Amino acid sequence: MRPMIALAVAASLTLSPAHAQEEEGTSLMEQGARLFMRGLMSEMEPALDEMGRALQEIEPALREMGPALKQLVDLMGDVRNYDAPERMPNGDIIIRRKPGAPPPPIVPAPDAPPEIDL
């Protein structure tokens, strides 16, 4: 996804008003690159608009889930150290650590009072 964003940024810079005007003496390669970028942007525009609308729709849910997701990330550490989740017959979801993964991060219990240095 990041390469597509970088490509979109590069295209928008290429198609800015300063660059959009055809200069005398531009090579066929430059003109071809401009045409390619214009075509790419016109094809990407609907997908980018749709992605923006989808993000606006899920934003309230993400804001609500934010604290719980942060707590999960703090508890798990690097997600690559875990296998894919499994749903058990009783509905529980198990996320197992991969064999040989480094120990999980130490997270203080939420009920523990803060430590005071004397």
N, C-alpha and C. Protein backbone atom coordinates (compact mmCIF):
# COMPACT_ATOMS: atom_id res chain seq x y z
N MET A 1 0.82 -1.19 0.00
CA MET A 1 0.00 0.00 0.00
C MET A 1 0.87 1.25 0.00
N ARG A 2 1.99 1.22 0.74
CA ARG A 2 2.86 2.39 0.80
C ARG A 2 3.45 2.76 -0.56
N PRO A 3 3.83 1.77 -1.40
CA PRO A 3 4.33 2.15 -2.72
C PRO A 3 3.27 2.89 -3.54
N MET A 4 2.00 2.51 -3.38
CA MET A 4 0.93 3.17 -4.13
C MET A 4 0.78 4.61 -3.65
N ILE A 5 0.90 4.85 -2.35
CA ILE A 5 0.80 6.20 -1.82
C ILE A 5 1.96 7.04 -2.33
N ALA A 6 3.16 6.46 -2.29
CA ALA A 6 4.33 7.18 -2.78
C ALA A 6 4.18 7.52 -4.26
N LEU A 7 3.62 6.58 -5.01
CA LEU A 7 3.40 6.81 -6.43
C LEU A 7 2.38 7.91 -6.65
N ALA A 8 1.34 7.93 -5.82
CA ALA A 8 0.32 8.97 -5.93
C ALA A 8 0.91 10.35 -5.62
N VAL A 9 1.76 10.41 -4.59
CA VAL A 9 2.41 11.68 -4.24
C VAL A 9 3.31 12.13 -5.38
N ALA A 10 4.09 11.22 -5.92
CA ALA A 10 4.97 11.57 -7.04
C ALA A 10 4.16 12.05 -8.23
N ALA A 11 3.03 11.40 -8.47
CA ALA A 11 2.19 11.80 -9.59
C ALA A 11 1.60 13.18 -9.36
N SER A 12 1.17 13.45 -8.13
CA SER A 12 0.58 14.76 -7.87
C SER A 12 1.63 15.87 -8.02
N LEU A 13 2.88 15.57 -7.64
CA LEU A 13 3.93 16.57 -7.82
C LEU A 13 4.23 16.78 -9.30
N THR A 14 4.21 15.69 -10.05
CA THR A 14 4.48 15.77 -11.48
C THR A 14 3.38 16.55 -12.19
N LEU A 15 2.16 16.41 -11.71
CA LEU A 15 1.03 17.03 -12.39
C LEU A 15 0.66 18.38 -11.79
N SER A 16 1.50 18.93 -10.91
CA SER A 16 1.22 20.24 -10.34
C SER A 16 1.22 21.27 -11.46
N PRO A 17 0.58 22.43 -11.24
CA PRO A 17 0.50 23.43 -12.32
C PRO A 17 1.86 23.82 -12.88
N ALA A 18 2.87 23.87 -12.04
CA ALA A 18 4.19 24.28 -12.54
C ALA A 18 4.74 23.26 -13.53
N HIS A 19 4.41 21.97 -13.29
CA HIS A 19 4.93 20.93 -14.17
C HIS A 19 3.95 20.58 -15.29
N ALA A 20 2.70 20.96 -15.12
CA ALA A 20 1.69 20.54 -16.08
C ALA A 20 1.84 21.24 -17.43
N GLN A 21 2.40 22.44 -17.42
CA GLN A 21 2.55 23.16 -18.68
C GLN A 21 3.64 22.50 -19.51
N GLU A 22 3.32 22.27 -20.73
CA GLU A 22 4.31 21.68 -21.64
C GLU A 22 5.38 22.72 -21.94
N GLU A 23 6.60 22.35 -21.71
CA GLU A 23 7.71 23.25 -22.01
C GLU A 23 8.26 22.91 -23.39
N GLU A 24 8.83 23.91 -24.01
CA GLU A 24 9.46 23.67 -25.30
C GLU A 24 10.69 22.80 -25.09
N GLY A 25 10.88 21.88 -25.97
CA GLY A 25 12.07 21.07 -25.93
C GLY A 25 11.98 19.88 -24.99
N THR A 26 10.80 19.55 -24.47
CA THR A 26 10.71 18.36 -23.62
C THR A 26 10.87 17.13 -24.50
N SER A 27 11.51 16.14 -23.92
CA SER A 27 11.76 14.93 -24.70
C SER A 27 10.50 14.07 -24.77
N LEU A 28 10.51 13.16 -25.70
CA LEU A 28 9.39 12.23 -25.82
C LEU A 28 9.24 11.38 -24.56
N MET A 29 10.36 11.07 -23.91
CA MET A 29 10.31 10.30 -22.67
C MET A 29 9.58 11.08 -21.58
N GLU A 30 9.87 12.37 -21.46
CA GLU A 30 9.21 13.21 -20.45
C GLU A 30 7.72 13.31 -20.74
N GLN A 31 7.38 13.51 -22.00
CA GLN A 31 5.96 13.62 -22.37
C GLN A 31 5.25 12.29 -22.12
N GLY A 32 5.92 11.18 -22.42
CA GLY A 32 5.33 9.87 -22.17
C GLY A 32 5.13 9.62 -20.68
N ALA A 33 6.11 10.03 -19.88
CA ALA A 33 5.99 9.87 -18.43
C ALA A 33 4.84 10.69 -17.89
N ARG A 34 4.67 11.91 -18.39
CA ARG A 34 3.55 12.75 -17.95
C ARG A 34 2.22 12.12 -18.33
N LEU A 35 2.12 11.62 -19.55
CA LEU A 35 0.87 10.98 -19.97
C LEU A 35 0.58 9.73 -19.13
N PHE A 36 1.62 8.97 -18.85
CA PHE A 36 1.47 7.78 -18.02
C PHE A 36 0.96 8.16 -16.63
N MET A 37 1.57 9.18 -16.02
CA MET A 37 1.18 9.60 -14.68
C MET A 37 -0.24 10.14 -14.67
N ARG A 38 -0.63 10.88 -15.68
CA ARG A 38 -2.00 11.39 -15.76
C ARG A 38 -2.99 10.23 -15.85
N GLY A 39 -2.68 9.25 -16.67
CA GLY A 39 -3.56 8.09 -16.80
C GLY A 39 -3.63 7.30 -15.50
N LEU A 40 -2.50 7.13 -14.85
CA LEU A 40 -2.47 6.40 -13.58
C LEU A 40 -3.30 7.11 -12.53
N MET A 41 -3.15 8.44 -12.45
CA MET A 41 -3.93 9.20 -11.46
C MET A 41 -5.42 9.13 -11.77
N SER A 42 -5.80 9.19 -13.03
CA SER A 42 -7.23 9.13 -13.35
C SER A 42 -7.80 7.76 -13.02
N GLU A 43 -6.98 6.69 -13.13
CA GLU A 43 -7.45 5.36 -12.76
C GLU A 43 -7.47 5.16 -11.25
N MET A 44 -6.53 5.78 -10.54
CA MET A 44 -6.44 5.61 -9.09
C MET A 44 -7.44 6.48 -8.33
N GLU A 45 -7.86 7.57 -8.92
CA GLU A 45 -8.71 8.52 -8.21
C GLU A 45 -9.97 7.89 -7.62
N PRO A 46 -10.72 7.07 -8.35
CA PRO A 46 -11.92 6.47 -7.75
C PRO A 46 -11.58 5.56 -6.56
N ALA A 47 -10.51 4.81 -6.66
CA ALA A 47 -10.13 3.92 -5.56
C ALA A 47 -9.71 4.72 -4.34
N LEU A 48 -8.96 5.81 -4.54
CA LEU A 48 -8.55 6.65 -3.42
C LEU A 48 -9.75 7.33 -2.78
N ASP A 49 -10.71 7.77 -3.59
CA ASP A 49 -11.92 8.37 -3.04
C ASP A 49 -12.70 7.36 -2.22
N GLU A 50 -12.83 6.14 -2.74
CA GLU A 50 -13.55 5.08 -2.02
C GLU A 50 -12.85 4.74 -0.71
N MET A 51 -11.52 4.70 -0.74
CA MET A 51 -10.77 4.40 0.48
C MET A 51 -10.98 5.51 1.51
N GLY A 52 -11.01 6.75 1.08
CA GLY A 52 -11.27 7.87 1.99
C GLY A 52 -12.64 7.78 2.61
N ARG A 53 -13.66 7.43 1.81
CA ARG A 53 -15.02 7.28 2.35
C ARG A 53 -15.08 6.13 3.35
N ALA A 54 -14.41 5.02 3.05
CA ALA A 54 -14.41 3.86 3.94
C ALA A 54 -13.74 4.23 5.27
N LEU A 55 -12.65 4.96 5.22
CA LEU A 55 -11.98 5.37 6.46
C LEU A 55 -12.87 6.30 7.28
N GLN A 56 -13.61 7.18 6.62
CA GLN A 56 -14.53 8.06 7.35
C GLN A 56 -15.63 7.25 8.03
N GLU A 57 -16.10 6.20 7.37
CA GLU A 57 -17.16 5.38 7.94
C GLU A 57 -16.70 4.60 9.16
N ILE A 58 -15.46 4.09 9.14
CA ILE A 58 -15.00 3.28 10.26
C ILE A 58 -14.30 4.09 11.35
N GLU A 59 -14.10 5.38 11.12
CA GLU A 59 -13.40 6.21 12.10
C GLU A 59 -14.04 6.16 13.48
N PRO A 60 -15.36 6.29 13.63
CA PRO A 60 -15.94 6.23 14.98
C PRO A 60 -15.64 4.91 15.69
N ALA A 61 -15.72 3.81 14.96
CA ALA A 61 -15.45 2.50 15.57
C ALA A 61 -13.98 2.40 15.98
N LEU A 62 -13.08 2.92 15.14
CA LEU A 62 -11.66 2.89 15.47
C LEU A 62 -11.35 3.73 16.71
N ARG A 63 -12.01 4.88 16.82
CA ARG A 63 -11.80 5.73 18.00
C ARG A 63 -12.28 5.01 19.26
N GLU A 64 -13.40 4.32 19.15
CA GLU A 64 -13.95 3.60 20.29
C GLU A 64 -13.06 2.41 20.68
N MET A 65 -12.52 1.73 19.67
CA MET A 65 -11.70 0.55 19.93
C MET A 65 -10.24 0.91 20.25
N GLY A 66 -9.85 2.14 20.02
CA GLY A 66 -8.47 2.56 20.17
C GLY A 66 -7.80 2.13 21.47
N PRO A 67 -8.39 2.46 22.63
CA PRO A 67 -7.74 2.07 23.88
C PRO A 67 -7.56 0.56 24.03
N ALA A 68 -8.56 -0.23 23.62
CA ALA A 68 -8.45 -1.69 23.73
C ALA A 68 -7.39 -2.21 22.78
N LEU A 69 -7.30 -1.66 21.57
CA LEU A 69 -6.27 -2.09 20.61
C LEU A 69 -4.87 -1.75 21.12
N LYS A 70 -4.73 -0.57 21.73
CA LYS A 70 -3.43 -0.18 22.28
C LYS A 70 -3.04 -1.14 23.40
N GLN A 71 -3.99 -1.50 24.24
CA GLN A 71 -3.72 -2.43 25.32
C GLN A 71 -3.29 -3.79 24.76
N LEU A 72 -3.95 -4.25 23.70
CA LEU A 72 -3.60 -5.52 23.08
C LEU A 72 -2.19 -5.47 22.49
N VAL A 73 -1.86 -4.38 21.80
CA VAL A 73 -0.54 -4.23 21.19
C VAL A 73 0.53 -4.19 22.29
N ASP A 74 0.26 -3.48 23.37
CA ASP A 74 1.23 -3.43 24.48
C ASP A 74 1.43 -4.81 25.07
N LEU A 75 0.37 -5.59 25.17
CA LEU A 75 0.43 -6.93 25.76
C LEU A 75 1.17 -7.91 24.85
N MET A 76 0.92 -7.84 23.54
CA MET A 76 1.48 -8.81 22.61
C MET A 76 2.89 -8.46 22.15
N GLY A 77 3.16 -7.19 21.96
CA GLY A 77 4.44 -6.81 21.36
C GLY A 77 4.37 -7.02 19.85
N ASP A 78 5.37 -7.65 19.28
CA ASP A 78 5.45 -7.87 17.83
C ASP A 78 4.49 -8.99 17.42
N VAL A 79 3.54 -8.68 16.58
CA VAL A 79 2.52 -9.65 16.15
C VAL A 79 3.14 -10.80 15.36
N ARG A 80 4.29 -10.56 14.74
CA ARG A 80 4.94 -11.62 13.96
C ARG A 80 5.42 -12.78 14.82
N ASN A 81 5.44 -12.59 16.16
CA ASN A 81 5.85 -13.66 17.07
C ASN A 81 4.70 -14.62 17.39
N TYR A 82 3.56 -14.46 16.73
CA TYR A 82 2.38 -15.27 17.03
C TYR A 82 1.88 -15.98 15.78
N ASP A 83 1.26 -17.15 16.02
CA ASP A 83 0.58 -17.87 14.94
C ASP A 83 -0.77 -17.20 14.69
N ALA A 84 -1.43 -17.62 13.62
CA ALA A 84 -2.77 -17.10 13.31
C ALA A 84 -3.73 -17.51 14.42
N PRO A 85 -4.71 -16.68 14.73
CA PRO A 85 -5.68 -17.02 15.78
C PRO A 85 -6.48 -18.27 15.41
N GLU A 86 -6.86 -19.02 16.45
CA GLU A 86 -7.70 -20.21 16.28
C GLU A 86 -8.97 -20.03 17.09
N ARG A 87 -10.12 -20.39 16.52
CA ARG A 87 -11.37 -20.35 17.26
C ARG A 87 -11.63 -21.75 17.82
N MET A 88 -11.81 -21.83 19.11
CA MET A 88 -12.07 -23.09 19.78
C MET A 88 -13.56 -23.43 19.67
N PRO A 89 -13.95 -24.70 19.88
CA PRO A 89 -15.37 -25.09 19.78
C PRO A 89 -16.28 -24.29 20.72
N ASN A 90 -15.75 -23.86 21.87
CA ASN A 90 -16.58 -23.09 22.81
C ASN A 90 -16.63 -21.60 22.47
N GLY A 91 -15.98 -21.18 21.39
CA GLY A 91 -16.01 -19.78 20.97
C GLY A 91 -14.79 -18.97 21.39
N ASP A 92 -13.98 -19.52 22.30
CA ASP A 92 -12.76 -18.82 22.69
C ASP A 92 -11.82 -18.70 21.49
N ILE A 93 -11.03 -17.65 21.49
CA ILE A 93 -10.04 -17.45 20.43
C ILE A 93 -8.67 -17.54 21.07
N ILE A 94 -7.84 -18.42 20.53
CA ILE A 94 -6.49 -18.65 21.06
C ILE A 94 -5.49 -18.07 20.07
N ILE A 95 -4.53 -17.30 20.58
CA ILE A 95 -3.44 -16.78 19.77
C ILE A 95 -2.16 -17.30 20.40
N ARG A 96 -1.54 -18.29 19.76
CA ARG A 96 -0.35 -18.94 20.33
C ARG A 96 0.92 -18.24 19.87
N ARG A 97 1.90 -18.17 20.79
CA ARG A 97 3.23 -17.68 20.43
C ARG A 97 3.94 -18.72 19.60
N LYS A 98 4.70 -18.27 18.62
CA LYS A 98 5.47 -19.18 17.79
C LYS A 98 6.61 -19.78 18.60
N PRO A 99 6.94 -21.04 18.31
CA PRO A 99 8.09 -21.64 19.01
C PRO A 99 9.36 -20.84 18.71
N GLY A 100 10.15 -20.61 19.74
CA GLY A 100 11.40 -19.89 19.57
C GLY A 100 11.27 -18.38 19.56
N ALA A 101 10.04 -17.86 19.71
CA ALA A 101 9.86 -16.41 19.74
C ALA A 101 10.44 -15.85 21.03
N PRO A 102 10.95 -14.62 20.99
CA PRO A 102 11.48 -14.03 22.22
C PRO A 102 10.35 -13.87 23.25
N PRO A 103 10.71 -13.75 24.51
CA PRO A 103 9.66 -13.61 25.53
C PRO A 103 8.81 -12.37 25.29
N PRO A 104 7.54 -12.43 25.68
CA PRO A 104 6.66 -11.26 25.48
C PRO A 104 7.11 -10.09 26.35
N PRO A 105 6.71 -8.88 25.98
CA PRO A 105 7.09 -7.71 26.78
C PRO A 105 6.47 -7.79 28.17
N ILE A 106 7.15 -7.24 29.14
CA ILE A 106 6.62 -7.20 30.50
C ILE A 106 5.70 -6.00 30.61
N VAL A 107 4.45 -6.30 30.94
CA VAL A 107 3.44 -5.25 31.07
C VAL A 107 2.94 -5.28 32.50
N PRO A 108 3.03 -4.15 33.23
CA PRO A 108 2.54 -4.15 34.60
C PRO A 108 1.03 -4.39 34.63
N ALA A 109 0.58 -5.06 35.67
CA ALA A 109 -0.86 -5.32 35.83
C ALA A 109 -1.58 -3.98 35.96
N PRO A 110 -2.77 -3.85 35.35
CA PRO A 110 -3.48 -2.56 35.41
C PRO A 110 -3.89 -2.17 36.82
N ASP A 111 -4.04 -3.16 37.73
CA ASP A 111 -4.46 -2.86 39.09
C ASP A 111 -3.28 -2.53 40.00
N ALA A 112 -2.06 -2.77 39.53
CA ALA A 112 -0.89 -2.54 40.36
C ALA A 112 -0.67 -1.05 40.57
N PRO A 113 -0.41 -0.65 41.83
CA PRO A 113 -0.14 0.78 42.06
C PRO A 113 1.21 1.14 41.45
N PRO A 114 1.39 2.36 41.05
CA PRO A 114 2.68 2.75 40.47
C PRO A 114 3.80 2.63 41.50
N GLU A 115 4.97 2.25 41.02
CA GLU A 115 6.11 2.13 41.91
C GLU A 115 6.65 3.52 42.23
N ILE A 116 7.09 3.67 43.49
CA ILE A 116 7.63 4.96 43.94
C ILE A 116 9.09 4.73 44.30
N ASP A 117 9.99 5.49 43.66
CA ASP A 117 11.40 5.42 43.98
C ASP A 117 11.67 6.27 45.21
N LEU A 118 12.35 5.71 46.18
CA LEU A 118 12.69 6.47 47.39
C LEU A 118 14.11 6.90 47.37
